[in-house]
Protein backbone atom coordinates (compact mmCIF):
# COMPACT_ATOMS: atom_id res chain seq x y z
CA TYR A 1 12.57 1.40 -10.64
CA LYS A 2 10.62 -0.40 -13.30
CA PRO A 3 11.77 -3.70 -14.84
CA PHE A 4 9.49 -2.89 -17.76
CA GLU A 5 6.45 -0.90 -18.78
CA PRO A 6 3.33 -2.69 -20.05
CA ALA A 7 4.62 -2.12 -23.59
CA THR A 8 7.58 -4.36 -22.55
CA TYR A 9 10.36 -1.86 -23.24
CA SER A 10 13.13 -1.61 -20.66
CA THR A 11 13.56 1.45 -18.46
CA ASP A 12 16.56 3.41 -17.22
CA ILE A 13 16.38 2.04 -13.66
CA GLN A 14 15.36 -1.57 -14.14
CA ASP A 15 15.40 -3.09 -10.67
CA TRP A 16 15.55 -2.32 -6.96
CA GLY A 17 19.26 -3.15 -6.71
CA MET A 18 20.14 -0.58 -9.36
CA ALA A 19 17.86 1.93 -7.64
CA ALA A 20 19.57 1.25 -4.29
CA LEU A 21 23.04 1.76 -5.78
CA LEU A 22 22.03 5.02 -7.41
CA ALA A 23 20.33 6.26 -4.24
CA ARG A 24 23.38 5.44 -2.14
CA SER A 25 25.68 7.26 -4.57
CA CYS A 26 23.44 10.35 -4.43
CA GLY A 27 23.77 10.78 -0.67
CA PRO A 28 21.74 10.16 2.49
CA ASN A 29 18.63 12.01 1.30
CA ALA A 30 18.09 9.75 -1.71
CA LYS A 31 15.83 6.74 -1.13
CA VAL A 32 14.16 4.01 -3.17
CA LEU A 33 10.45 4.15 -4.02
CA VAL A 34 8.66 0.80 -4.21
CA ASP A 35 5.74 0.85 -6.66
CA THR A 36 3.73 -2.31 -5.98
CA GLY A 37 2.54 -2.39 -9.60
CA HIS A 38 5.99 -2.41 -11.18
CA HIS A 39 7.51 -5.83 -10.57
CA LEU A 40 7.97 -8.95 -12.60
CA LEU A 41 5.26 -11.52 -11.91
CA GLY A 42 6.05 -13.60 -8.85
CA THR A 43 8.49 -11.11 -7.34
CA ASN A 44 8.87 -11.34 -3.55
CA ILE A 45 8.19 -7.64 -2.91
CA GLU A 46 8.13 -8.03 0.86
CA GLN A 47 11.70 -9.36 0.78
CA ILE A 48 12.80 -6.31 -1.22
CA VAL A 49 11.11 -4.11 1.38
CA ALA A 50 12.90 -5.93 4.21
CA VAL A 51 16.33 -5.50 2.60
CA LEU A 52 15.77 -1.82 1.79
CA LEU A 53 14.63 -1.22 5.38
CA ASP A 54 17.74 -2.89 6.77
CA GLU A 55 19.92 -0.79 4.47
CA GLY A 56 18.11 2.43 5.37
CA LEU A 57 17.20 2.97 1.72
CA LEU A 58 13.42 2.61 1.66
CA GLY A 59 11.78 5.92 0.86
CA GLY A 60 8.16 4.91 0.50
CA PHE A 61 5.50 3.34 -1.68
CA HIS A 62 3.20 3.86 -4.59
CA PHE A 63 0.30 1.61 -3.64
CA ASN A 64 -1.79 -0.09 -6.32
CA ASP A 65 -2.46 -3.61 -7.50
CA ARG A 66 -2.15 -5.42 -10.80
CA LYS A 67 -3.15 -8.62 -12.55
CA TYR A 68 -0.51 -8.57 -15.28
CA ALA A 69 1.60 -5.42 -15.52
CA ASP A 70 1.15 -1.84 -14.32
CA ASP A 71 -2.63 -2.11 -14.14
CA ASP A 72 -2.91 0.51 -11.36
CA LEU A 73 -5.87 -1.27 -9.76
CA THR A 74 -7.33 -0.68 -6.31
CA ALA A 75 -4.71 -1.63 -3.71
CA GLY A 76 -5.30 -5.10 -2.33
CA CYS A 77 -7.98 -6.10 -4.85
CA ILE A 78 -5.77 -8.82 -6.38
CA ALA A 79 -3.09 -9.72 -3.82
CA PRO A 80 -4.09 -8.55 -0.33
CA TYR A 81 -1.90 -11.12 1.42
CA GLN A 82 1.22 -9.80 -0.31
CA LEU A 83 0.35 -6.27 0.79
CA PHE A 84 -0.20 -7.57 4.33
CA LEU A 85 3.28 -9.17 4.26
CA ILE A 86 4.77 -5.84 3.16
CA PHE A 87 3.16 -4.10 6.12
CA ASP A 88 4.34 -6.95 8.34
CA GLN A 89 7.95 -6.18 7.43
CA ILE A 90 7.41 -2.49 8.18
CA VAL A 91 5.74 -3.14 11.55
CA ALA A 92 8.44 -5.64 12.50
CA ALA A 93 11.11 -3.01 11.81
CA LEU A 94 9.43 -0.13 13.66
CA PRO A 95 10.96 -0.69 17.14
CA ARG A 96 14.56 -0.75 15.95
CA ASN A 97 14.65 0.89 12.54
CA LYS A 98 14.47 4.66 12.07
CA ASN A 99 13.92 4.19 8.34
CA ALA A 100 10.63 2.38 8.98
CA ARG A 101 9.25 5.46 10.76
CA GLN A 102 10.05 7.86 7.92
CA LEU A 103 8.27 6.30 4.96
CA ALA A 104 6.09 8.15 2.47
CA TYR A 105 2.82 6.38 1.66
CA MET A 106 1.30 7.36 -1.68
CA ILE A 107 -1.47 5.98 -3.89
CA ASP A 108 -0.74 5.52 -7.59
CA GLN A 109 -3.84 4.25 -9.37
CA SER A 110 -5.65 4.76 -12.65
CA HIS A 111 -9.38 4.90 -12.05
CA ASN A 112 -10.71 4.26 -15.55
CA LEU A 113 -13.92 2.34 -14.83
CA LYS A 114 -14.66 2.71 -11.11
CA PRO A 115 -15.70 6.09 -9.64
CA LYS A 116 -12.44 7.83 -8.77
CA VAL A 117 -13.23 9.10 -5.27
CA GLU A 118 -14.97 5.89 -4.21
CA GLU A 119 -12.01 3.80 -5.38
CA MET A 120 -9.64 6.03 -3.41
CA VAL A 121 -11.77 5.47 -0.29
CA GLN A 122 -11.70 1.73 -0.95
CA THR A 123 -7.92 1.82 -1.19
CA VAL A 124 -7.41 3.86 1.98
CA CYS A 125 -9.72 1.54 3.93
CA THR A 126 -7.93 -1.53 2.57
CA LEU A 127 -4.54 -0.14 3.55
CA GLN A 128 -5.84 0.60 7.05
CA GLN A 129 -7.21 -2.94 7.35
CA LEU A 130 -4.00 -4.64 6.25
CA TYR A 131 -1.81 -2.40 8.40
CA ALA A 132 -4.03 -3.14 11.41
CA LYS A 133 -3.71 -6.87 10.72
CA ALA A 134 0.09 -6.51 10.60
CA LEU A 135 -0.04 -4.85 14.02
CA LEU A 136 -1.83 -7.95 15.37
CA VAL A 137 0.96 -10.38 14.49
CA ASN A 138 2.22 -12.13 17.63
CA ARG A 139 5.87 -11.13 17.35
CA ALA A 140 7.05 -13.37 20.21
CA ASN A 141 5.46 -16.46 18.69
CA LEU A 142 6.78 -15.56 15.25
CA ALA A 143 10.34 -15.08 16.54
CA ALA A 144 10.22 -18.38 18.43
CA ALA A 145 9.04 -20.25 15.34
CA GLN A 146 11.69 -18.59 13.18
CA ALA A 147 14.42 -19.47 15.71
CA LYS A 148 13.41 -23.14 15.48
CA CYS A 149 13.04 -22.93 11.69
CA ASP A 150 9.42 -24.02 12.15
CA ILE A 151 8.08 -22.64 8.90
CA VAL A 152 4.55 -23.93 9.42
CA ALA A 153 4.22 -22.34 12.87
CA ALA A 154 5.64 -19.06 11.56
CA GLU A 155 3.23 -19.06 8.65
CA GLU A 156 0.28 -19.88 10.89
CA THR A 157 1.19 -16.94 13.13
CA LEU A 158 1.00 -14.64 10.12
CA ARG A 159 -2.16 -16.27 8.77
CA THR A 160 -3.89 -15.91 12.13
CA ALA A 161 -3.34 -12.15 12.03
CA PHE A 162 -4.27 -11.89 8.35
CA PHE A 163 -7.59 -13.68 8.80
CA THR A 164 -8.53 -11.70 11.93
CA ASP A 165 -11.56 -9.45 11.38
CA VAL A 166 -10.47 -5.89 12.22
CA THR A 167 -13.73 -4.23 11.15
CA GLY A 168 -14.79 -3.51 14.73
CA LEU A 169 -11.34 -2.27 15.71
CA LEU A 170 -11.17 0.18 12.81
CA ALA A 171 -14.72 1.36 13.45
CA GLU A 172 -13.82 2.11 17.08
CA VAL A 173 -10.66 3.99 16.09
CA ARG A 174 -12.51 6.06 13.49
CA GLU A 175 -15.25 6.88 15.97
CA GLU A 176 -12.66 8.04 18.51
CA MET A 177 -11.15 10.27 15.81
CA GLY A 178 -14.52 11.75 14.90
CA ALA A 179 -14.46 10.13 11.47
CA ALA A 180 -17.11 8.07 9.72
CA VAL A 181 -17.25 4.49 10.97
CA ASP A 182 -17.90 3.27 7.41
CA PRO A 183 -16.20 5.82 5.12
CA LEU A 184 -17.54 4.48 1.82
CA ALA A 185 -21.12 4.25 3.09
CA ALA A 186 -20.84 7.76 4.54
CA LEU A 187 -19.54 9.12 1.23
CA ARG A 188 -22.41 7.59 -0.69
CA ALA A 189 -25.02 8.73 1.83
CA SER A 190 -23.70 12.31 1.70
CA LYS A 191 -24.44 12.60 -2.04
CA TYR A 192 -21.25 14.66 -2.22
CA LEU A 193 -20.24 13.27 -5.59
CA ASP A 194 -23.66 14.03 -7.12
CA LYS A 195 -23.48 17.58 -5.76
CA ARG A 196 -20.01 18.18 -7.16
CA ALA A 197 -20.99 16.73 -10.54
CA ALA A 198 -23.97 19.11 -10.71
CA GLU A 199 -21.74 22.06 -9.82
CA ARG A 200 -19.28 21.15 -12.57
CA ARG A 201 -22.05 20.86 -15.15
CA ALA A 202 -23.32 24.29 -14.11
CA ASP A 203 -19.82 25.76 -14.34
CA ARG A 204 -19.30 24.37 -17.82
CA GLY A 205 -22.67 25.66 -18.86
CA ALA A 206 -21.70 29.15 -17.67
CA GLY A 207 -18.60 29.11 -19.87
CA SER A 208 -16.16 28.16 -17.14
CA SER A 209 -12.79 26.76 -18.23
CA TYR A 210 -13.07 24.10 -15.50
CA ALA A 211 -13.53 20.64 -17.01
């Protein structure tokens, strides 16, 4: 669903409610895709995610960020807290909601100025960081605050998790998996992108159709 494109024209499926109705009418295999770059400014995307999860209609995400419209920027570079709150809703639903365990996570970005592969690594690392922070939310404290309608205490519970440094945690997990502790630094140190660029120049010079 897209309320509008950057050129401001309306689209066939304009909002998440329309998308949910159409998905439901198409049968149990049809779900709603949430593109984080396609919402009106100020939209509470995490609330949409929560409702779609409860209704069993959330299919997955196109992750990106935006300043104005569908800017397709690096995920989390503009509104990391909103992305954290989206992950918070998913993590909260995991124990009881089958839908939350069947989501498709995709990246939908337009790398016009930044190096494409490096920006993808930035995005993946950001998503890992924010998901890890969502896993750190003290669910018991949050539920108690919500039950008492203590908005400040509930917010502080979320903020505590959001501002927790998970760098060491992620480094340990990556090391256990045999992956690079610092993926972006490892990519740059490998000179992989320089090597591939040289190979492409050589291919083009040899008359290859690869561009």
